[in-house]
Amino acid sequence: MKRFFIYIGIVGGIVSCRPAGPRLQHGDLLFQVGAASEMSGAIAAATGKENNLKYTHVGIVLAENGADSVLEATSDAGVRIVPLKDFLARSARIGGASAVTAMRLRDTAGVAASVRRARQFVGQPYDYSYRVANGKMYCSELVWESYRDTLGVRIFPAQEMNFRAADGTMPRFWVELFERLGEPIPEGEPGTNPNDMAREAVLEEVGRYF
């Protein structure tokens, strides 16, 4: 019996040493390293920075009614709200844990209004064209369009989009996607991506799940 209690104590100590997730607030942003897929690979190749995590997705935290959920735009479902646990489960793993970093605006004055604005896009289809103001949304476009300061000015800047890999080649995924759409690749047009957005000075890291 004594050995049994010692065993329980050891297991409990191991569990308690596992890092807890960050304490989230309404409107925090979750930057995710996506699980392996052709799309996430193409995004990482085009927007990754050496010696840094390559974020391929971003979602908005909804901390309401004692539970956390995530507002996001995904390629398979468009703009939707999912439980936090489902968002984390889709991530790549680092040491067995979800490769997700939580970030918060340094100035949170306009966050509540920004989240309300983002909610209005629920139900819109995913923006495979990666072009603004077309009635569709990709993940970082949802944040870019919704997050504004108290004067209504967008918080995150648009940048010239790059779809090429580090060696200058265009990944087959993008070539085939835009051929199917019958559109030119919007190389150099204004847009956003999760990797650059995560490194904006207006954000501060509040915790990681890994």
N, C-alpha and C. Protein backbone atom coordinates (compact mmCIF):
# COMPACT_ATOMS: atom_id res chain seq x y z
N MET A 1 0.84 -1.21 0.00
CA MET A 1 0.00 0.00 0.00
C MET A 1 0.87 1.25 0.00
N LYS A 2 1.92 1.22 0.77
CA LYS A 2 2.81 2.37 0.83
C LYS A 2 3.43 2.64 -0.53
N ARG A 3 3.82 1.54 -1.21
CA ARG A 3 4.41 1.70 -2.55
C ARG A 3 3.40 2.30 -3.51
N PHE A 4 2.12 1.91 -3.37
CA PHE A 4 1.06 2.44 -4.23
C PHE A 4 0.96 3.95 -4.10
N PHE A 5 0.97 4.46 -2.87
CA PHE A 5 0.88 5.90 -2.65
C PHE A 5 2.11 6.62 -3.18
N ILE A 6 3.27 5.99 -3.04
CA ILE A 6 4.48 6.59 -3.59
C ILE A 6 4.38 6.70 -5.10
N TYR A 7 3.84 5.63 -5.74
CA TYR A 7 3.68 5.64 -7.20
C TYR A 7 2.74 6.75 -7.65
N ILE A 8 1.61 6.88 -6.94
CA ILE A 8 0.65 7.94 -7.27
C ILE A 8 1.30 9.31 -7.13
N GLY A 9 2.11 9.47 -6.08
CA GLY A 9 2.78 10.75 -5.87
C GLY A 9 3.74 11.07 -6.99
N ILE A 10 4.46 10.05 -7.49
CA ILE A 10 5.40 10.27 -8.59
C ILE A 10 4.66 10.67 -9.86
N VAL A 11 3.58 9.93 -10.17
CA VAL A 11 2.80 10.24 -11.38
C VAL A 11 2.21 11.63 -11.28
N GLY A 12 1.67 11.97 -10.09
CA GLY A 12 1.10 13.30 -9.92
C GLY A 12 2.13 14.38 -10.10
N GLY A 13 3.38 14.12 -9.63
CA GLY A 13 4.45 15.10 -9.79
C GLY A 13 4.81 15.29 -11.23
N ILE A 14 4.80 14.17 -12.02
CA ILE A 14 5.12 14.27 -13.44
C ILE A 14 4.08 15.09 -14.16
N VAL A 15 2.79 14.80 -13.87
CA VAL A 15 1.71 15.54 -14.53
C VAL A 15 1.77 17.01 -14.20
N SER A 16 2.04 17.32 -12.90
CA SER A 16 2.05 18.73 -12.49
C SER A 16 3.20 19.50 -13.11
N CYS A 17 4.24 18.79 -13.58
CA CYS A 17 5.37 19.48 -14.18
C CYS A 17 5.13 19.84 -15.64
N ARG A 18 4.07 19.29 -16.23
CA ARG A 18 3.77 19.63 -17.61
C ARG A 18 3.34 21.09 -17.69
N PRO A 19 3.83 21.83 -18.67
CA PRO A 19 3.49 23.25 -18.75
C PRO A 19 2.01 23.46 -19.03
N ALA A 20 1.37 24.32 -18.26
CA ALA A 20 -0.03 24.64 -18.49
C ALA A 20 -0.12 25.60 -19.67
N GLY A 21 -1.27 25.61 -20.32
CA GLY A 21 -1.45 26.55 -21.42
C GLY A 21 -1.49 27.97 -20.91
N PRO A 22 -1.25 28.93 -21.78
CA PRO A 22 -1.27 30.34 -21.36
C PRO A 22 -2.66 30.77 -20.90
N ARG A 23 -2.69 31.78 -20.04
CA ARG A 23 -3.98 32.34 -19.61
C ARG A 23 -4.48 33.29 -20.68
N LEU A 24 -5.48 32.86 -21.38
CA LEU A 24 -5.96 33.61 -22.54
C LEU A 24 -6.96 34.68 -22.14
N GLN A 25 -6.97 35.74 -22.95
CA GLN A 25 -7.97 36.79 -22.82
C GLN A 25 -8.73 36.91 -24.13
N HIS A 26 -9.94 37.42 -24.04
CA HIS A 26 -10.78 37.64 -25.21
C HIS A 26 -10.02 38.49 -26.23
N GLY A 27 -9.92 37.99 -27.44
CA GLY A 27 -9.26 38.74 -28.49
C GLY A 27 -7.79 38.45 -28.67
N ASP A 28 -7.21 37.59 -27.82
CA ASP A 28 -5.83 37.15 -28.06
C ASP A 28 -5.75 36.45 -29.41
N LEU A 29 -4.56 36.39 -29.96
CA LEU A 29 -4.34 35.72 -31.23
C LEU A 29 -3.49 34.47 -31.01
N LEU A 30 -3.89 33.37 -31.63
CA LEU A 30 -3.16 32.11 -31.53
C LEU A 30 -2.48 31.83 -32.87
N PHE A 31 -1.16 31.82 -32.85
CA PHE A 31 -0.38 31.55 -34.06
C PHE A 31 0.05 30.08 -34.04
N GLN A 32 -0.29 29.40 -35.10
CA GLN A 32 -0.15 27.96 -35.15
C GLN A 32 0.83 27.51 -36.23
N VAL A 33 1.69 26.56 -35.87
CA VAL A 33 2.47 25.84 -36.87
C VAL A 33 1.59 24.69 -37.32
N GLY A 34 1.14 24.74 -38.57
CA GLY A 34 0.18 23.76 -39.03
C GLY A 34 0.77 22.37 -39.17
N ALA A 35 -0.09 21.36 -38.99
CA ALA A 35 0.32 19.99 -39.24
C ALA A 35 0.65 19.86 -40.72
N ALA A 36 1.45 18.87 -41.05
CA ALA A 36 1.95 18.72 -42.41
C ALA A 36 0.81 18.59 -43.42
N SER A 37 0.81 19.47 -44.40
CA SER A 37 -0.11 19.39 -45.54
C SER A 37 0.55 20.14 -46.68
N GLU A 38 0.04 19.92 -47.88
CA GLU A 38 0.65 20.60 -49.02
C GLU A 38 0.49 22.11 -48.91
N MET A 39 -0.68 22.55 -48.43
CA MET A 39 -0.91 23.99 -48.30
C MET A 39 -0.01 24.60 -47.23
N SER A 40 0.04 23.98 -46.04
CA SER A 40 0.87 24.55 -44.97
C SER A 40 2.33 24.52 -45.37
N GLY A 41 2.73 23.51 -46.11
CA GLY A 41 4.12 23.45 -46.58
C GLY A 41 4.44 24.58 -47.54
N ALA A 42 3.49 24.89 -48.44
CA ALA A 42 3.69 25.98 -49.40
C ALA A 42 3.72 27.32 -48.69
N ILE A 43 2.87 27.50 -47.69
CA ILE A 43 2.86 28.75 -46.93
C ILE A 43 4.17 28.91 -46.16
N ALA A 44 4.61 27.85 -45.52
CA ALA A 44 5.85 27.90 -44.75
C ALA A 44 7.04 28.20 -45.66
N ALA A 45 7.06 27.60 -46.84
CA ALA A 45 8.17 27.83 -47.77
C ALA A 45 8.23 29.27 -48.23
N ALA A 46 7.08 29.91 -48.35
CA ALA A 46 7.04 31.28 -48.86
C ALA A 46 7.23 32.32 -47.78
N THR A 47 6.84 32.01 -46.53
CA THR A 47 6.84 33.04 -45.49
C THR A 47 7.72 32.72 -44.30
N GLY A 48 8.37 31.58 -44.28
CA GLY A 48 9.18 31.20 -43.13
C GLY A 48 10.43 32.04 -42.99
N LYS A 49 10.86 32.20 -41.77
CA LYS A 49 12.11 32.90 -41.48
C LYS A 49 13.07 31.89 -40.85
N GLU A 50 14.31 31.92 -41.25
CA GLU A 50 15.28 30.97 -40.72
C GLU A 50 15.42 31.12 -39.21
N ASN A 51 15.59 29.98 -38.55
CA ASN A 51 15.81 29.91 -37.09
C ASN A 51 14.59 30.36 -36.29
N ASN A 52 13.42 30.44 -36.93
CA ASN A 52 12.20 30.79 -36.22
C ASN A 52 11.13 29.78 -36.57
N LEU A 53 10.11 29.68 -35.71
CA LEU A 53 8.95 28.87 -36.07
C LEU A 53 8.30 29.45 -37.31
N LYS A 54 7.74 28.58 -38.12
CA LYS A 54 7.07 29.02 -39.34
C LYS A 54 5.57 28.89 -39.14
N TYR A 55 4.94 29.97 -38.71
CA TYR A 55 3.50 29.95 -38.48
C TYR A 55 2.76 29.95 -39.80
N THR A 56 1.78 29.06 -39.92
CA THR A 56 1.00 28.98 -41.14
C THR A 56 -0.48 29.27 -40.92
N HIS A 57 -0.88 29.55 -39.68
CA HIS A 57 -2.30 29.78 -39.39
C HIS A 57 -2.42 30.67 -38.17
N VAL A 58 -3.52 31.42 -38.11
CA VAL A 58 -3.78 32.27 -36.95
C VAL A 58 -5.28 32.26 -36.67
N GLY A 59 -5.64 32.25 -35.37
CA GLY A 59 -7.04 32.30 -34.97
C GLY A 59 -7.23 33.32 -33.86
N ILE A 60 -8.48 33.70 -33.64
CA ILE A 60 -8.85 34.71 -32.66
C ILE A 60 -9.52 34.03 -31.47
N VAL A 61 -9.04 34.31 -30.26
CA VAL A 61 -9.60 33.70 -29.05
C VAL A 61 -10.92 34.37 -28.68
N LEU A 62 -11.92 33.53 -28.43
CA LEU A 62 -13.18 33.99 -27.87
C LEU A 62 -13.27 33.42 -26.46
N ALA A 63 -13.06 34.26 -25.47
CA ALA A 63 -13.11 33.83 -24.07
C ALA A 63 -14.44 34.29 -23.48
N GLU A 64 -15.42 33.42 -23.57
CA GLU A 64 -16.78 33.79 -23.17
C GLU A 64 -17.44 32.65 -22.41
N ASN A 65 -18.27 33.00 -21.45
CA ASN A 65 -19.09 32.02 -20.73
C ASN A 65 -18.26 30.91 -20.10
N GLY A 66 -17.08 31.25 -19.63
CA GLY A 66 -16.26 30.28 -18.93
C GLY A 66 -15.55 29.28 -19.80
N ALA A 67 -15.60 29.44 -21.12
CA ALA A 67 -14.94 28.51 -22.03
C ALA A 67 -14.28 29.27 -23.15
N ASP A 68 -13.19 28.69 -23.67
CA ASP A 68 -12.47 29.33 -24.77
C ASP A 68 -12.78 28.63 -26.08
N SER A 69 -12.99 29.42 -27.11
CA SER A 69 -13.14 28.91 -28.46
C SER A 69 -12.32 29.79 -29.38
N VAL A 70 -12.25 29.42 -30.65
CA VAL A 70 -11.40 30.13 -31.60
C VAL A 70 -12.20 30.47 -32.85
N LEU A 71 -12.13 31.71 -33.25
CA LEU A 71 -12.71 32.18 -34.50
C LEU A 71 -11.61 32.16 -35.55
N GLU A 72 -11.82 31.47 -36.64
CA GLU A 72 -10.76 31.27 -37.62
C GLU A 72 -11.34 31.14 -39.02
N ALA A 73 -10.45 31.25 -40.01
CA ALA A 73 -10.81 30.98 -41.40
C ALA A 73 -9.95 29.82 -41.87
N THR A 74 -10.58 28.71 -42.25
CA THR A 74 -9.83 27.53 -42.67
C THR A 74 -10.20 27.15 -44.10
N SER A 75 -9.27 26.46 -44.75
CA SER A 75 -9.47 26.11 -46.16
C SER A 75 -10.59 25.10 -46.35
N ASP A 76 -10.92 24.34 -45.31
CA ASP A 76 -11.97 23.33 -45.47
C ASP A 76 -13.34 23.79 -45.02
N ALA A 77 -13.42 24.91 -44.27
CA ALA A 77 -14.71 25.30 -43.71
C ALA A 77 -15.00 26.80 -43.77
N GLY A 78 -14.09 27.61 -44.26
CA GLY A 78 -14.30 29.05 -44.27
C GLY A 78 -14.22 29.63 -42.87
N VAL A 79 -14.91 30.74 -42.65
CA VAL A 79 -14.85 31.42 -41.35
C VAL A 79 -15.83 30.73 -40.39
N ARG A 80 -15.32 30.28 -39.26
CA ARG A 80 -16.11 29.50 -38.32
C ARG A 80 -15.58 29.68 -36.91
N ILE A 81 -16.32 29.13 -35.94
CA ILE A 81 -15.91 29.11 -34.54
C ILE A 81 -15.78 27.66 -34.10
N VAL A 82 -14.64 27.32 -33.50
CA VAL A 82 -14.40 25.94 -33.05
C VAL A 82 -13.92 25.95 -31.60
N PRO A 83 -14.10 24.85 -30.89
CA PRO A 83 -13.54 24.77 -29.52
C PRO A 83 -12.02 24.89 -29.56
N LEU A 84 -11.46 25.49 -28.52
CA LEU A 84 -10.01 25.65 -28.45
C LEU A 84 -9.30 24.31 -28.59
N LYS A 85 -9.82 23.27 -27.97
CA LYS A 85 -9.16 21.96 -28.02
C LYS A 85 -9.05 21.44 -29.44
N ASP A 86 -10.05 21.73 -30.28
CA ASP A 86 -10.00 21.29 -31.67
C ASP A 86 -8.94 22.07 -32.45
N PHE A 87 -8.83 23.35 -32.16
CA PHE A 87 -7.80 24.18 -32.80
C PHE A 87 -6.42 23.64 -32.46
N LEU A 88 -6.20 23.35 -31.19
CA LEU A 88 -4.89 22.87 -30.74
C LEU A 88 -4.58 21.49 -31.32
N ALA A 89 -5.60 20.66 -31.47
CA ALA A 89 -5.39 19.29 -31.95
C ALA A 89 -4.91 19.26 -33.39
N ARG A 90 -5.19 20.31 -34.16
CA ARG A 90 -4.80 20.33 -35.57
C ARG A 90 -3.38 20.83 -35.77
N SER A 91 -2.71 21.23 -34.71
CA SER A 91 -1.38 21.81 -34.82
C SER A 91 -0.31 20.74 -35.03
N ALA A 92 0.82 21.19 -35.56
CA ALA A 92 2.02 20.35 -35.51
C ALA A 92 2.40 20.17 -34.04
N ARG A 93 3.26 19.21 -33.74
CA ARG A 93 3.64 18.93 -32.36
C ARG A 93 5.11 19.25 -32.13
N ILE A 94 5.38 19.80 -30.96
CA ILE A 94 6.74 20.02 -30.50
C ILE A 94 6.84 19.35 -29.13
N GLY A 95 7.62 18.30 -29.05
CA GLY A 95 7.69 17.54 -27.81
C GLY A 95 6.35 16.97 -27.39
N GLY A 96 5.51 16.64 -28.37
CA GLY A 96 4.20 16.09 -28.08
C GLY A 96 3.13 17.12 -27.79
N ALA A 97 3.49 18.40 -27.72
CA ALA A 97 2.53 19.46 -27.39
C ALA A 97 2.21 20.28 -28.64
N SER A 98 1.08 20.98 -28.61
CA SER A 98 0.64 21.78 -29.75
C SER A 98 1.59 22.95 -30.02
N ALA A 99 2.01 23.08 -31.27
CA ALA A 99 2.92 24.16 -31.65
C ALA A 99 2.13 25.43 -31.91
N VAL A 100 1.69 26.04 -30.81
CA VAL A 100 0.85 27.24 -30.86
C VAL A 100 1.38 28.27 -29.87
N THR A 101 1.50 29.51 -30.33
CA THR A 101 1.93 30.62 -29.48
C THR A 101 0.79 31.62 -29.34
N ALA A 102 0.51 32.04 -28.12
CA ALA A 102 -0.53 33.03 -27.86
C ALA A 102 0.10 34.42 -27.80
N MET A 103 -0.51 35.35 -28.50
CA MET A 103 -0.04 36.73 -28.52
C MET A 103 -1.19 37.68 -28.19
N ARG A 104 -0.82 38.85 -27.68
CA ARG A 104 -1.82 39.84 -27.27
C ARG A 104 -1.38 41.22 -27.74
N LEU A 105 -2.33 42.04 -28.14
CA LEU A 105 -2.00 43.42 -28.48
C LEU A 105 -1.50 44.16 -27.25
N ARG A 106 -0.45 44.93 -27.43
CA ARG A 106 0.06 45.74 -26.31
C ARG A 106 -0.97 46.78 -25.88
N ASP A 107 -1.71 47.30 -26.83
CA ASP A 107 -2.79 48.24 -26.55
C ASP A 107 -4.10 47.52 -26.86
N THR A 108 -4.85 47.16 -25.83
CA THR A 108 -6.06 46.37 -26.02
C THR A 108 -7.34 47.20 -26.09
N ALA A 109 -7.20 48.50 -26.25
CA ALA A 109 -8.37 49.39 -26.19
C ALA A 109 -9.43 49.03 -27.23
N GLY A 110 -9.01 48.62 -28.41
CA GLY A 110 -9.98 48.35 -29.47
C GLY A 110 -10.29 46.89 -29.69
N VAL A 111 -9.84 46.02 -28.78
CA VAL A 111 -9.95 44.58 -29.02
C VAL A 111 -11.41 44.10 -29.04
N ALA A 112 -12.22 44.53 -28.09
CA ALA A 112 -13.61 44.06 -28.02
C ALA A 112 -14.35 44.39 -29.32
N ALA A 113 -14.17 45.61 -29.81
CA ALA A 113 -14.82 46.00 -31.06
C ALA A 113 -14.26 45.20 -32.24
N SER A 114 -12.97 44.89 -32.19
CA SER A 114 -12.34 44.12 -33.27
C SER A 114 -12.92 42.71 -33.34
N VAL A 115 -13.13 42.10 -32.18
CA VAL A 115 -13.70 40.75 -32.16
C VAL A 115 -15.14 40.78 -32.66
N ARG A 116 -15.90 41.78 -32.27
CA ARG A 116 -17.27 41.90 -32.78
C ARG A 116 -17.27 42.04 -34.29
N ARG A 117 -16.32 42.79 -34.80
CA ARG A 117 -16.19 42.95 -36.25
C ARG A 117 -15.87 41.62 -36.92
N ALA A 118 -14.96 40.86 -36.31
CA ALA A 118 -14.56 39.57 -36.87
C ALA A 118 -15.73 38.59 -36.90
N ARG A 119 -16.58 38.64 -35.90
CA ARG A 119 -17.73 37.74 -35.85
C ARG A 119 -18.67 37.91 -37.04
N GLN A 120 -18.69 39.10 -37.60
CA GLN A 120 -19.59 39.37 -38.72
C GLN A 120 -19.20 38.59 -39.97
N PHE A 121 -17.99 38.05 -39.99
CA PHE A 121 -17.54 37.32 -41.17
C PHE A 121 -17.81 35.82 -41.08
N VAL A 122 -18.35 35.36 -39.94
CA VAL A 122 -18.64 33.93 -39.80
C VAL A 122 -19.56 33.48 -40.94
N GLY A 123 -19.20 32.39 -41.58
CA GLY A 123 -19.98 31.88 -42.70
C GLY A 123 -19.40 32.21 -44.06
N GLN A 124 -18.47 33.17 -44.12
CA GLN A 124 -17.85 33.48 -45.41
C GLN A 124 -16.94 32.32 -45.84
N PRO A 125 -16.85 32.06 -47.14
CA PRO A 125 -15.97 30.98 -47.63
C PRO A 125 -14.50 31.37 -47.53
N TYR A 126 -13.65 30.37 -47.63
CA TYR A 126 -12.21 30.60 -47.59
C TYR A 126 -11.76 31.31 -48.86
N ASP A 127 -10.81 32.21 -48.71
CA ASP A 127 -10.33 33.00 -49.84
C ASP A 127 -9.10 32.34 -50.48
N TYR A 128 -9.36 31.42 -51.39
CA TYR A 128 -8.25 30.77 -52.09
C TYR A 128 -7.55 31.72 -53.06
N SER A 129 -8.20 32.83 -53.39
CA SER A 129 -7.60 33.79 -54.31
C SER A 129 -6.60 34.71 -53.62
N TYR A 130 -6.69 34.80 -52.29
CA TYR A 130 -5.81 35.66 -51.49
C TYR A 130 -5.84 37.11 -51.98
N ARG A 131 -7.07 37.56 -52.22
CA ARG A 131 -7.27 38.95 -52.64
C ARG A 131 -8.27 39.59 -51.70
N VAL A 132 -8.09 40.88 -51.45
CA VAL A 132 -8.93 41.58 -50.47
C VAL A 132 -10.27 41.96 -51.08
N ALA A 133 -11.25 42.18 -50.19
CA ALA A 133 -12.56 42.72 -50.55
C ALA A 133 -13.26 41.92 -51.64
N ASN A 134 -13.23 40.59 -51.52
CA ASN A 134 -13.90 39.76 -52.52
C ASN A 134 -14.97 38.86 -51.89
N GLY A 135 -15.37 39.17 -50.65
CA GLY A 135 -16.40 38.39 -49.99
C GLY A 135 -15.93 37.06 -49.46
N LYS A 136 -14.61 36.88 -49.38
CA LYS A 136 -14.01 35.65 -48.86
C LYS A 136 -12.90 36.03 -47.90
N MET A 137 -12.45 35.08 -47.08
CA MET A 137 -11.43 35.38 -46.08
C MET A 137 -10.42 34.24 -45.94
N TYR A 138 -9.14 34.58 -45.89
CA TYR A 138 -8.15 33.62 -45.40
C TYR A 138 -7.77 34.03 -43.98
N CYS A 139 -7.02 33.19 -43.29
CA CYS A 139 -6.89 33.35 -41.83
C CYS A 139 -6.34 34.71 -41.39
N SER A 140 -5.21 35.11 -41.94
CA SER A 140 -4.63 36.38 -41.49
C SER A 140 -5.37 37.58 -42.08
N GLU A 141 -6.09 37.37 -43.18
CA GLU A 141 -6.92 38.44 -43.73
C GLU A 141 -8.06 38.76 -42.76
N LEU A 142 -8.60 37.72 -42.11
CA LEU A 142 -9.66 37.92 -41.13
C LEU A 142 -9.18 38.81 -39.99
N VAL A 143 -7.97 38.59 -39.52
CA VAL A 143 -7.40 39.41 -38.45
C VAL A 143 -7.10 40.81 -38.97
N TRP A 144 -6.49 40.88 -40.13
CA TRP A 144 -6.11 42.18 -40.73
C TRP A 144 -7.32 43.07 -40.93
N GLU A 145 -8.40 42.50 -41.44
CA GLU A 145 -9.61 43.27 -41.72
C GLU A 145 -10.34 43.67 -40.44
N SER A 146 -10.28 42.83 -39.42
CA SER A 146 -11.09 43.04 -38.21
C SER A 146 -10.41 43.88 -37.15
N TYR A 147 -9.10 43.73 -37.01
CA TYR A 147 -8.41 44.38 -35.89
C TYR A 147 -8.04 45.82 -36.24
N ARG A 148 -8.71 46.74 -35.55
CA ARG A 148 -8.52 48.17 -35.78
C ARG A 148 -8.41 48.88 -34.45
N ASP A 149 -7.79 50.06 -34.48
CA ASP A 149 -7.69 50.83 -33.24
C ASP A 149 -8.99 51.57 -32.99
N THR A 150 -9.02 52.38 -31.95
CA THR A 150 -10.26 53.07 -31.57
C THR A 150 -10.70 54.11 -32.60
N LEU A 151 -9.82 54.45 -33.53
CA LEU A 151 -10.16 55.39 -34.60
C LEU A 151 -10.58 54.66 -35.88
N GLY A 152 -10.55 53.32 -35.83
CA GLY A 152 -10.95 52.55 -36.99
C GLY A 152 -9.84 52.25 -37.97
N VAL A 153 -8.60 52.56 -37.59
CA VAL A 153 -7.44 52.32 -38.47
C VAL A 153 -6.95 50.89 -38.27
N ARG A 154 -6.67 50.19 -39.36
CA ARG A 154 -6.18 48.81 -39.26
C ARG A 154 -4.87 48.78 -38.46
N ILE A 155 -4.77 47.81 -37.57
CA ILE A 155 -3.60 47.70 -36.70
C ILE A 155 -2.43 47.04 -37.42
N PHE A 156 -2.74 46.05 -38.25
CA PHE A 156 -1.68 45.31 -38.93
C PHE A 156 -1.52 45.80 -40.37
N PRO A 157 -0.30 46.09 -40.78
CA PRO A 157 -0.08 46.59 -42.14
C PRO A 157 -0.18 45.47 -43.17
N ALA A 158 -0.61 45.83 -44.36
CA ALA A 158 -0.55 44.90 -45.49
C ALA A 158 0.86 44.96 -46.08
N GLN A 159 1.29 43.86 -46.64
CA GLN A 159 2.62 43.80 -47.24
C GLN A 159 2.52 43.17 -48.62
N GLU A 160 3.55 43.34 -49.41
CA GLU A 160 3.57 42.68 -50.71
C GLU A 160 3.66 41.18 -50.50
N MET A 161 2.71 40.46 -51.08
CA MET A 161 2.67 39.01 -50.88
C MET A 161 3.76 38.31 -51.70
N ASN A 162 4.31 37.29 -51.09
CA ASN A 162 5.30 36.46 -51.75
C ASN A 162 4.85 35.01 -51.69
N PHE A 163 4.78 34.36 -52.83
CA PHE A 163 4.39 32.96 -52.89
C PHE A 163 5.58 32.06 -53.22
N ARG A 164 6.73 32.65 -53.47
CA ARG A 164 7.89 31.87 -53.88
C ARG A 164 8.63 31.29 -52.68
N ALA A 165 9.26 30.16 -52.88
CA ALA A 165 10.10 29.56 -51.86
C ALA A 165 11.39 30.36 -51.74
N ALA A 166 12.19 30.04 -50.74
CA ALA A 166 13.42 30.80 -50.48
C ALA A 166 14.38 30.77 -51.66
N ASP A 167 14.34 29.71 -52.46
CA ASP A 167 15.25 29.62 -53.61
C ASP A 167 14.70 30.31 -54.86
N GLY A 168 13.55 31.00 -54.72
CA GLY A 168 12.98 31.74 -55.83
C GLY A 168 12.01 30.96 -56.70
N THR A 169 11.87 29.68 -56.46
CA THR A 169 10.96 28.87 -57.26
C THR A 169 9.53 29.01 -56.75
N MET A 170 8.58 28.76 -57.63
CA MET A 170 7.18 28.81 -57.26
C MET A 170 6.70 27.39 -56.95
N PRO A 171 6.28 27.10 -55.72
CA PRO A 171 5.82 25.75 -55.38
C PRO A 171 4.68 25.28 -56.29
N ARG A 172 4.70 24.01 -56.61
CA ARG A 172 3.70 23.42 -57.49
C ARG A 172 2.29 23.65 -56.96
N PHE A 173 2.12 23.66 -55.63
CA PHE A 173 0.80 23.85 -55.04
C PHE A 173 0.16 25.14 -55.53
N TRP A 174 0.93 26.25 -55.50
CA TRP A 174 0.38 27.54 -55.91
C TRP A 174 0.10 27.57 -57.41
N VAL A 175 0.99 27.01 -58.20
CA VAL A 175 0.79 26.99 -59.65
C VAL A 175 -0.51 26.27 -60.00
N GLU A 176 -0.70 25.10 -59.43
CA GLU A 176 -1.89 24.31 -59.74
C GLU A 176 -3.16 24.94 -59.18
N LEU A 177 -3.07 25.52 -57.98
CA LEU A 177 -4.25 26.16 -57.38
C LEU A 177 -4.75 27.29 -58.26
N PHE A 178 -3.87 28.19 -58.66
CA PHE A 178 -4.33 29.35 -59.42
C PHE A 178 -4.67 29.00 -60.86
N GLU A 179 -4.11 27.92 -61.38
CA GLU A 179 -4.55 27.43 -62.68
C GLU A 179 -6.00 26.95 -62.60
N ARG A 180 -6.34 26.25 -61.52
CA ARG A 180 -7.72 25.79 -61.34
C ARG A 180 -8.68 26.97 -61.17
N LEU A 181 -8.21 28.02 -60.48
CA LEU A 181 -9.05 29.20 -60.28
C LEU A 181 -9.17 30.05 -61.54
N GLY A 182 -8.25 29.85 -62.47
CA GLY A 182 -8.23 30.67 -63.67
C GLY A 182 -7.80 32.10 -63.39
N GLU A 183 -6.94 32.26 -62.39
CA GLU A 183 -6.47 33.59 -61.98
C GLU A 183 -4.95 33.60 -61.94
N PRO A 184 -4.35 34.78 -62.12
CA PRO A 184 -2.90 34.87 -61.95
C PRO A 184 -2.53 34.80 -60.47
N ILE A 185 -1.37 34.30 -60.17
CA ILE A 185 -0.88 34.30 -58.79
C ILE A 185 -0.67 35.75 -58.36
N PRO A 186 -1.26 36.17 -57.22
CA PRO A 186 -1.17 37.58 -56.82
C PRO A 186 0.18 37.95 -56.20
N GLU A 187 1.25 37.54 -56.83
CA GLU A 187 2.60 37.85 -56.36
C GLU A 187 2.79 39.37 -56.34
N GLY A 188 3.22 39.90 -55.19
CA GLY A 188 3.48 41.33 -55.08
C GLY A 188 2.27 42.17 -54.73
N GLU A 189 1.08 41.59 -54.74
CA GLU A 189 -0.11 42.34 -54.37
C GLU A 189 -0.19 42.46 -52.84
N PRO A 190 -0.93 43.46 -52.32
CA PRO A 190 -1.00 43.63 -50.87
C PRO A 190 -1.74 42.48 -50.20
N GLY A 191 -1.21 42.04 -49.08
CA GLY A 191 -1.84 40.96 -48.34
C GLY A 191 -1.14 40.75 -47.01
N THR A 192 -1.43 39.64 -46.37
CA THR A 192 -0.85 39.35 -45.06
C THR A 192 -0.52 37.87 -44.99
N ASN A 193 0.27 37.52 -43.97
CA ASN A 193 0.49 36.11 -43.67
C ASN A 193 0.75 35.96 -42.17
N PRO A 194 0.44 34.80 -41.60
CA PRO A 194 0.57 34.63 -40.15
C PRO A 194 1.99 34.82 -39.64
N ASN A 195 2.97 34.40 -40.41
CA ASN A 195 4.35 34.45 -39.93
C ASN A 195 4.82 35.88 -39.71
N ASP A 196 4.57 36.76 -40.68
CA ASP A 196 4.96 38.16 -40.52
C ASP A 196 4.11 38.86 -39.47
N MET A 197 2.82 38.53 -39.44
CA MET A 197 1.92 39.16 -38.48
C MET A 197 2.36 38.87 -37.05
N ALA A 198 2.81 37.65 -36.79
CA ALA A 198 3.23 37.26 -35.44
C ALA A 198 4.42 38.06 -34.94
N ARG A 199 5.15 38.67 -35.85
CA ARG A 199 6.36 39.38 -35.48
C ARG A 199 6.20 40.90 -35.49
N GLU A 200 4.95 41.35 -35.57
CA GLU A 200 4.68 42.79 -35.51
C GLU A 200 4.91 43.30 -34.08
N ALA A 201 5.47 44.49 -33.97
CA ALA A 201 5.82 45.06 -32.66
C ALA A 201 4.59 45.38 -31.80
N VAL A 202 3.41 45.46 -32.41
CA VAL A 202 2.20 45.76 -31.63
C VAL A 202 1.76 44.58 -30.79
N LEU A 203 2.38 43.41 -31.00
CA LEU A 203 2.01 42.21 -30.26
C LEU A 203 3.08 41.85 -29.22
N GLU A 204 2.63 41.20 -28.17
CA GLU A 204 3.57 40.62 -27.20
C GLU A 204 3.14 39.18 -26.93
N GLU A 205 4.13 38.32 -26.75
CA GLU A 205 3.83 36.92 -26.47
C GLU A 205 3.36 36.76 -25.03
N VAL A 206 2.29 35.98 -24.85
CA VAL A 206 1.76 35.75 -23.51
C VAL A 206 1.90 34.29 -23.07
N GLY A 207 2.33 33.43 -23.97
CA GLY A 207 2.54 32.05 -23.57
C GLY A 207 2.55 31.11 -24.76
N ARG A 208 3.00 29.87 -24.50
CA ARG A 208 3.04 28.84 -25.53
C ARG A 208 2.42 27.55 -24.99
N TYR A 209 2.00 26.71 -25.90
CA TYR A 209 1.45 25.41 -25.51
C TYR A 209 2.51 24.32 -25.57
N PHE A 210 3.72 24.66 -25.93
CA PHE A 210 4.79 23.67 -26.06
C PHE A 210 5.97 24.07 -25.20
